[in-house]
Amino acid sequence: MNLSDYDYQFPQDAIAMYPPEKRGTTKLFVVNTQTGEIEIDQYENLDKHLTAQDVLVRNITKVFHARLFGMAINKTGQSGKQVEVFFTEPHAQSLEEYARRQYDPKEKGYKLEFLTALRGIRLDSIRYIDFGDNLRLKKISKNNDSLTGILYKTDSDFSVEELFTMFEQKGKVPLPPYIKRSTVVSDDERYQTIFAEKLGSVAAPTASLNFTKTLEARLAKQGTAIAEVTLHVGRGTFMPLRHERIEDNILHSEPYFVKNSTITALHLAKQDQKRIIAMGTTTTRTLESIAPQILDANTSHDILSETKLFVYPPFRFKIVDGLLTNFHFPRSSLITLVDAFLQYKRSKLSWRTIYEFAMKNEARLFSYGDSMLIL
């Protein structure tokens, strides 16, 4: 299986550069894998395609303001060019865990992983990056396809709570690189799900961006259960697959947390032969990563772990019966997951056929775009 099998062409104007004026008004392409039919509906009508025999599972991660702009200071102490730093860590289930994992007592700061637009500046010429307010990043070193460094304050230690406050105050929303524009005020709200709770992601679980309170109320009224997991989306979501042979690629690890009460509820749902509908690829990867625990009636604890699960055909899905997802970038691990799910369902439609149908019907692509529900 080759990476080129997951390539496709799309017009640049098909990329949704902004969210719709109102949540829930994007298109929903409902794919019936058994009949081969595709119905075009509106996202807000998701409840019409689900029943009381379904459990909808969503990812409650929250995006933090991961992009900071600072000045590169060279070895002689002179100010250089402005650089954009896109922090791809932290990833933690709590502020306490982040402090435990990342705090460097020697440097009195926090070790972070990041990407940066150096714009012609040699890495070895940088003494530190100055973000103002005595906030600096130093000890910058190369780490595979990203960088690491220590973020600290020159005048005092600062707690992890202050670190996150700093990100929210000084940073900007980490829009994906294919959204080629500056952030606007509305991105703070719209590049975040309405149920976002656990801070730690550098990208939103985009299949949920159009979910609304009214939709949630209708689902509850008809008896469709909603369960929650947390997976913090990391830099892997921006990293293209590099090797032509699919099997040679490895995904970056991402942390997840699932409460025992959720595991128990999903176990009972599977026993009752209810459908588990995953909202997004992040939720799918979480559920399939903990499939043994969900299927084991004796699991009696929360699960905090990390996953590198890379889903591509053939893959036997043990938990997920339906998938709500957006349209994804070519040659990505997200398309291989969608293809694997379609093949597992023995779909009469291929991923490519669905994408071609969607684009003929003026689908808006990627994070702020339209979605499809595969059943």
Protein backbone atom coordinates (compact mmCIF):
# COMPACT_ATOMS: atom_id res chain seq x y z
CA MET A 1 0.00 0.00 0.00
CA ASN A 2 1.43 3.34 -1.10
CA LEU A 3 1.05 6.88 0.19
CA SER A 4 0.34 8.06 -3.35
CA ASP A 5 -2.88 6.02 -3.20
CA TYR A 6 -4.17 8.67 -0.80
CA ASP A 7 -3.40 11.70 -2.90
CA TYR A 8 -6.07 13.80 -4.58
CA GLN A 9 -6.43 17.21 -6.20
CA PHE A 10 -8.65 19.95 -4.84
CA PRO A 11 -9.24 23.58 -5.78
CA GLN A 12 -7.73 26.04 -3.32
CA ASP A 13 -11.01 27.91 -3.05
CA ALA A 14 -12.61 24.75 -1.63
CA ILE A 15 -10.68 25.22 1.62
CA ALA A 16 -12.89 26.72 4.30
CA MET A 17 -10.78 29.68 5.42
CA TYR A 18 -13.39 30.81 7.94
CA PRO A 19 -16.04 29.00 9.97
CA PRO A 20 -19.68 29.34 8.89
CA GLU A 21 -21.50 32.35 10.28
CA LYS A 22 -23.46 30.04 12.56
CA ARG A 23 -22.44 26.68 14.03
CA GLY A 24 -24.23 23.69 12.59
CA THR A 25 -24.93 25.17 9.16
CA THR A 26 -22.22 23.26 7.30
CA LYS A 27 -23.13 20.34 5.08
CA LEU A 28 -23.32 16.79 6.41
CA PHE A 29 -22.71 14.05 3.83
CA VAL A 30 -24.40 10.94 5.23
CA VAL A 31 -22.74 7.84 3.77
CA ASN A 32 -24.68 4.58 3.80
CA THR A 33 -21.96 1.97 3.37
CA GLN A 34 -24.46 -0.83 2.68
CA THR A 35 -26.53 0.81 -0.06
CA GLY A 36 -23.83 3.07 -1.48
CA GLU A 37 -26.07 6.12 -1.17
CA ILE A 38 -24.95 9.56 0.02
CA GLU A 39 -27.49 11.96 1.45
CA ILE A 40 -26.63 15.65 1.73
CA ASP A 41 -28.03 17.16 4.91
CA GLN A 42 -27.04 19.87 7.39
CA TYR A 43 -24.77 19.23 10.38
CA GLU A 44 -27.44 20.50 12.76
CA ASN A 45 -29.63 17.57 11.65
CA LEU A 46 -27.17 14.95 12.87
CA ASP A 47 -29.76 13.67 15.36
CA LYS A 48 -32.05 12.57 12.51
CA HIS A 49 -29.48 9.96 11.51
CA LEU A 50 -28.99 8.54 15.00
CA THR A 51 -31.31 6.71 17.38
CA ALA A 52 -31.71 5.76 21.03
CA GLN A 53 -29.66 2.68 20.18
CA ASP A 54 -26.57 4.80 19.51
CA VAL A 55 -23.84 6.17 21.77
CA LEU A 56 -22.09 9.29 20.46
CA VAL A 57 -18.54 9.65 21.81
CA ARG A 58 -16.76 13.02 21.73
CA ASN A 59 -13.31 14.35 22.57
CA ILE A 60 -13.41 17.10 25.23
CA THR A 61 -9.86 18.35 24.70
CA LYS A 62 -9.34 22.11 24.62
CA VAL A 63 -7.02 24.04 22.30
CA PHE A 64 -4.53 26.40 23.93
CA HIS A 65 -3.04 29.53 22.33
CA ALA A 66 0.04 27.75 21.06
CA ARG A 67 1.52 30.43 18.74
CA LEU A 68 3.83 33.10 20.19
CA PHE A 69 5.83 35.79 18.41
CA GLY A 70 9.23 36.84 19.73
CA MET A 71 12.58 38.36 18.76
CA ALA A 72 15.58 36.14 18.09
CA ILE A 73 18.56 37.44 20.12
CA ASN A 74 21.95 36.42 18.74
CA LYS A 75 25.09 35.35 20.57
CA THR A 76 26.31 38.96 20.88
CA GLY A 77 23.04 40.06 22.47
CA GLN A 78 21.76 41.91 19.43
CA SER A 79 18.12 41.68 18.38
CA GLY A 80 17.44 39.89 15.13
CA LYS A 81 14.28 39.10 13.21
CA GLN A 82 10.88 38.37 14.63
CA VAL A 83 10.12 34.65 14.73
CA GLU A 84 6.89 32.75 15.14
CA VAL A 85 7.06 29.85 17.57
CA PHE A 86 4.34 27.21 17.41
CA PHE A 87 4.46 25.18 20.63
CA THR A 88 3.40 21.59 20.06
CA GLU A 89 3.60 20.70 23.75
CA PRO A 90 2.34 20.72 26.47
CA HIS A 91 0.24 17.60 26.47
CA ALA A 92 -1.11 16.61 29.85
CA GLN A 93 -4.40 15.66 31.44
CA SER A 94 -4.01 18.19 34.25
CA LEU A 95 -1.87 21.15 35.20
CA GLU A 96 -0.36 19.03 37.97
CA GLU A 97 0.70 16.34 35.52
CA TYR A 98 2.18 18.92 33.17
CA ALA A 99 4.26 20.40 35.98
CA ARG A 100 5.43 16.94 36.98
CA ARG A 101 6.40 15.95 33.46
CA GLN A 102 7.87 19.18 32.14
CA TYR A 103 9.23 21.38 34.94
CA ASP A 104 13.00 21.68 34.88
CA PRO A 105 14.16 22.73 38.37
CA LYS A 106 17.68 23.50 37.14
CA GLU A 107 16.46 25.94 34.51
CA LYS A 108 13.45 27.04 36.58
CA GLY A 109 11.32 26.79 33.49
CA TYR A 110 9.41 24.39 31.29
CA LYS A 111 10.77 22.17 28.59
CA LEU A 112 8.67 22.54 25.47
CA GLU A 113 8.59 21.00 22.03
CA PHE A 114 7.87 23.36 19.19
CA LEU A 115 8.07 24.28 15.53
CA THR A 116 9.35 27.69 14.50
CA ALA A 117 9.50 29.87 11.41
CA LEU A 118 13.15 30.92 11.56
CA ARG A 119 13.00 32.74 8.22
CA GLY A 120 16.62 32.33 7.29
CA ILE A 121 18.06 32.57 10.82
CA ARG A 122 20.63 29.91 11.64
CA LEU A 123 19.66 27.93 14.72
CA ASP A 124 23.19 28.00 16.15
CA SER A 125 23.21 31.81 16.02
CA ILE A 126 20.30 32.16 18.45
CA ARG A 127 21.16 32.85 22.08
CA TYR A 128 17.52 32.97 23.10
CA ILE A 129 14.11 34.14 21.89
CA ASP A 130 12.59 37.06 23.76
CA PHE A 131 8.80 37.19 24.09
CA GLY A 132 8.76 40.28 26.31
CA ASP A 133 7.71 40.59 29.97
CA ASN A 134 10.94 38.81 30.97
CA LEU A 135 9.81 35.65 29.17
CA ARG A 136 12.52 33.83 27.25
CA LEU A 137 13.13 30.59 25.40
CA LYS A 138 16.66 29.19 25.42
CA LYS A 139 18.67 25.97 25.04
CA ILE A 140 17.08 25.49 21.62
CA SER A 141 18.03 22.16 20.08
CA LYS A 142 16.94 20.07 17.13
CA ASN A 143 14.73 17.09 17.89
CA ASN A 144 13.94 15.12 14.73
CA ASP A 145 11.41 17.27 12.85
CA SER A 146 10.82 19.74 15.67
CA LEU A 147 12.76 21.77 18.24
CA THR A 148 12.95 21.75 22.03
CA GLY A 149 13.83 24.49 24.47
CA ILE A 150 13.37 25.82 27.99
CA LEU A 151 10.73 28.54 28.46
CA TYR A 152 11.36 30.58 31.61
CA LYS A 153 11.02 34.01 33.25
CA THR A 154 14.22 35.91 33.97
CA ASP A 155 12.92 37.64 37.08
CA SER A 156 11.19 34.79 38.89
CA ASP A 157 9.99 31.22 38.83
CA PHE A 158 6.50 30.81 37.45
CA SER A 159 3.93 28.14 38.10
CA VAL A 160 2.30 25.99 35.47
CA GLU A 161 -0.93 27.92 36.06
CA GLU A 162 0.93 31.12 35.19
CA LEU A 163 2.40 29.40 32.13
CA PHE A 164 -1.03 28.55 30.77
CA THR A 165 -2.29 32.03 31.61
CA MET A 166 0.64 33.44 29.66
CA PHE A 167 -0.24 31.32 26.62
CA GLU A 168 -3.82 32.55 26.71
CA GLN A 169 -2.77 36.20 27.09
CA LYS A 170 0.22 36.39 24.74
CA GLY A 171 -0.43 33.57 22.30
CA LYS A 172 -2.68 33.19 19.30
CA VAL A 173 -5.02 30.44 18.14
CA PRO A 174 -2.98 27.71 16.37
CA LEU A 175 -4.87 27.61 13.10
CA PRO A 176 -3.72 24.85 10.73
CA PRO A 177 -1.04 25.84 8.19
CA TYR A 178 -3.41 25.52 5.22
CA ILE A 179 -5.55 28.36 6.61
CA LYS A 180 -3.34 31.06 5.17
CA ARG A 181 -4.53 34.13 7.01
CA SER A 182 -4.02 35.94 10.29
CA THR A 183 -6.17 34.93 13.22
CA VAL A 184 -9.26 37.01 14.00
CA VAL A 185 -11.19 37.46 17.22
CA SER A 186 -13.87 34.94 16.23
CA ASP A 187 -11.26 32.16 15.94
CA ASP A 188 -10.91 32.17 19.73
CA GLU A 189 -14.45 30.87 19.98
CA ARG A 190 -14.94 29.01 16.73
CA TYR A 191 -11.70 26.99 16.66
CA GLN A 192 -12.94 25.34 19.85
CA THR A 193 -15.80 22.93 20.48
CA ILE A 194 -18.65 24.05 22.73
CA PHE A 195 -17.78 21.25 25.15
CA ALA A 196 -14.00 21.79 25.25
CA GLU A 197 -12.82 21.23 28.82
CA LYS A 198 -9.31 19.75 29.17
CA LEU A 199 -6.62 22.19 28.01
CA GLY A 200 -3.74 20.69 26.02
CA SER A 201 -4.33 20.46 22.25
CA VAL A 202 -2.65 22.33 19.42
CA ALA A 203 -5.49 21.48 17.04
CA ALA A 204 -9.23 21.17 17.51
CA PRO A 205 -11.17 17.91 17.05
CA THR A 206 -12.71 19.46 13.97
CA ALA A 207 -15.56 16.99 13.43
CA SER A 208 -17.13 18.54 16.53
CA LEU A 209 -16.71 22.24 15.71
CA ASN A 210 -20.28 22.52 14.40
CA PHE A 211 -21.89 20.72 17.33
CA THR A 212 -24.47 22.94 19.08
CA LYS A 213 -26.41 23.03 22.34
CA THR A 214 -29.70 22.63 20.50
CA LEU A 215 -28.39 19.53 18.73
CA GLU A 216 -27.22 18.17 22.08
CA ALA A 217 -30.67 18.73 23.57
CA ARG A 218 -32.42 16.95 20.69
CA LEU A 219 -30.05 13.98 20.98
CA ALA A 220 -30.79 13.74 24.70
CA LYS A 221 -34.54 13.96 24.08
CA GLN A 222 -34.49 11.07 21.61
CA GLY A 223 -32.33 8.97 23.93
CA THR A 224 -29.00 9.05 22.09
CA ALA A 225 -26.35 8.75 24.81
CA ILE A 226 -23.23 10.92 24.79
CA ALA A 227 -19.91 9.73 26.26
CA GLU A 228 -16.65 11.64 26.60
CA VAL A 229 -12.95 10.90 26.24
CA THR A 230 -9.88 13.14 26.11
CA LEU A 231 -7.10 12.92 23.55
CA HIS A 232 -4.78 15.91 23.22
CA VAL A 233 -3.98 16.54 19.58
CA GLY A 234 -0.26 17.03 19.02
CA ARG A 235 2.16 17.97 16.29
CA GLY A 236 1.53 14.71 14.50
CA THR A 237 -1.65 16.21 13.10
CA PHE A 238 0.49 18.69 11.14
CA MET A 239 3.25 16.29 10.16
CA PRO A 240 2.81 14.72 6.71
CA LEU A 241 3.44 11.04 6.24
CA ARG A 242 6.96 10.85 4.84
CA HIS A 243 7.40 7.33 3.53
CA GLU A 244 5.78 6.09 0.33
CA ARG A 245 5.22 2.67 1.82
CA ILE A 246 2.39 3.23 4.30
CA GLU A 247 3.63 0.64 6.76
CA ASP A 248 6.96 2.47 7.15
CA ASN A 249 5.36 5.54 8.74
CA ILE A 250 5.10 6.06 12.50
CA LEU A 251 2.79 8.55 14.20
CA HIS A 252 3.80 10.76 17.12
CA SER A 253 2.38 9.70 20.47
CA GLU A 254 -0.57 11.62 21.90
CA PRO A 255 -1.86 11.36 25.48
CA TYR A 256 -5.40 10.32 26.29
CA PHE A 257 -7.54 9.93 29.38
CA VAL A 258 -10.75 7.95 29.77
CA LYS A 259 -12.80 7.65 32.96
CA ASN A 260 -13.76 4.21 34.19
CA SER A 261 -17.43 5.26 34.12
CA THR A 262 -17.10 5.87 30.38
CA ILE A 263 -15.41 2.51 29.86
CA THR A 264 -18.21 0.77 31.76
CA ALA A 265 -20.91 2.59 29.78
CA LEU A 266 -19.28 1.64 26.49
CA HIS A 267 -18.84 -1.97 27.63
CA LEU A 268 -22.56 -2.19 28.41
CA ALA A 269 -23.43 -0.53 25.10
CA LYS A 270 -21.44 -3.14 23.18
CA GLN A 271 -23.14 -5.89 25.18
CA ASP A 272 -26.52 -4.43 24.26
CA GLN A 273 -25.42 -4.27 20.62
CA LYS A 274 -25.75 -0.50 20.48
CA ARG A 275 -23.81 1.42 17.86
CA ILE A 276 -20.78 3.40 19.01
CA ILE A 277 -20.48 6.55 16.88
CA ALA A 278 -17.10 8.29 17.15
CA MET A 279 -16.99 12.04 16.65
CA GLY A 280 -13.73 12.41 14.78
CA THR A 281 -10.53 10.51 14.15
CA THR A 282 -9.09 11.49 17.56
CA THR A 283 -12.02 9.85 19.34
CA THR A 284 -11.72 6.83 17.05
CA ARG A 285 -8.04 6.35 17.84
CA THR A 286 -8.73 6.68 21.56
CA LEU A 287 -11.54 4.11 21.54
CA GLU A 288 -9.63 1.60 19.45
CA SER A 289 -6.54 2.08 21.66
CA ILE A 290 -8.52 1.02 24.73
CA ALA A 291 -10.60 -1.65 23.00
CA PRO A 292 -9.32 -4.45 25.28
CA GLN A 293 -10.37 -2.51 28.39
CA ILE A 294 -13.80 -1.66 26.97
CA LEU A 295 -14.44 -5.29 26.04
CA ASP A 296 -13.22 -6.54 29.43
CA ALA A 297 -16.04 -6.54 31.98
CA ASN A 298 -13.49 -6.40 34.82
CA THR A 299 -11.91 -3.03 33.97
CA SER A 300 -12.35 -0.93 37.11
CA HIS A 301 -10.00 2.04 36.75
CA ASP A 302 -9.45 5.21 34.76
CA ILE A 303 -6.96 5.00 31.90
CA LEU A 304 -4.22 7.59 31.39
CA SER A 305 -1.82 6.65 28.64
CA GLU A 306 -0.47 7.60 25.22
CA THR A 307 -1.17 6.21 21.78
CA LYS A 308 0.73 5.96 18.52
CA LEU A 309 -2.05 3.98 16.89
CA PHE A 310 -1.77 4.34 13.13
CA VAL A 311 -4.90 3.09 11.40
CA TYR A 312 -4.72 1.98 7.79
CA PRO A 313 -6.21 -0.96 5.83
CA PRO A 314 -6.71 -3.66 6.79
CA PHE A 315 -7.74 -2.77 10.34
CA ARG A 316 -10.33 -4.55 12.43
CA PHE A 317 -12.34 -2.00 14.36
CA LYS A 318 -13.42 -3.48 17.68
CA ILE A 319 -15.38 -0.57 19.15
CA VAL A 320 -16.36 2.03 16.54
CA ASP A 321 -19.47 1.34 14.45
CA GLY A 322 -19.97 4.77 12.91
CA LEU A 323 -17.69 7.71 12.18
CA LEU A 324 -18.36 11.44 12.00
CA THR A 325 -15.41 13.18 10.39
CA ASN A 326 -14.38 16.11 8.20
CA PHE A 327 -12.68 16.00 4.82
CA HIS A 328 -8.95 15.62 5.30
CA PHE A 329 -5.74 16.76 3.69
CA PRO A 330 -4.24 14.51 0.97
CA ARG A 331 -1.65 11.89 1.89
CA SER A 332 -2.54 12.04 5.59
CA SER A 333 -3.00 9.41 8.29
CA LEU A 334 -6.57 10.70 8.67
CA ILE A 335 -7.52 9.56 5.16
CA THR A 336 -5.94 6.14 5.74
CA LEU A 337 -8.13 5.82 8.85
CA VAL A 338 -11.25 6.71 6.87
CA ASP A 339 -10.30 4.23 4.16
CA ALA A 340 -9.68 1.53 6.75
CA PHE A 341 -13.10 2.15 8.30
CA LEU A 342 -14.86 2.02 4.93
CA GLN A 343 -13.11 -1.23 4.05
CA TYR A 344 -13.94 -2.68 7.47
CA LYS A 345 -17.61 -1.81 6.86
CA ARG A 346 -17.35 -3.43 3.41
CA SER A 347 -18.58 -0.19 1.97
CA LYS A 348 -19.87 0.01 -1.57
CA LEU A 349 -18.20 3.40 -1.74
CA SER A 350 -14.48 4.11 -1.58
CA TRP A 351 -13.04 7.15 0.16
CA ARG A 352 -12.11 8.57 -3.23
CA THR A 353 -15.65 8.17 -4.59
CA ILE A 354 -17.04 9.95 -1.52
CA TYR A 355 -14.54 12.80 -1.84
CA GLU A 356 -15.27 13.22 -5.55
CA PHE A 357 -19.01 13.28 -4.86
CA ALA A 358 -18.52 15.83 -2.09
CA MET A 359 -16.42 18.17 -4.21
CA LYS A 360 -18.90 17.95 -7.09
CA ASN A 361 -21.45 19.13 -4.56
CA GLU A 362 -19.27 22.05 -3.48
CA ALA A 363 -18.07 20.65 -0.18
CA ARG A 364 -15.96 22.96 1.98
CA LEU A 365 -12.77 21.20 3.03
CA PHE A 366 -10.75 20.67 6.19
CA SER A 367 -11.04 22.12 9.70
CA TYR A 368 -13.73 24.76 9.23
CA GLY A 369 -15.45 22.81 6.50
CA ASP A 370 -18.18 20.23 5.96
CA SER A 371 -18.44 16.80 7.54
CA MET A 372 -19.48 13.29 6.65
CA LEU A 373 -21.22 10.65 8.73
CA ILE A 374 -20.24 7.10 7.78
CA LEU A 375 -22.75 4.46 8.91
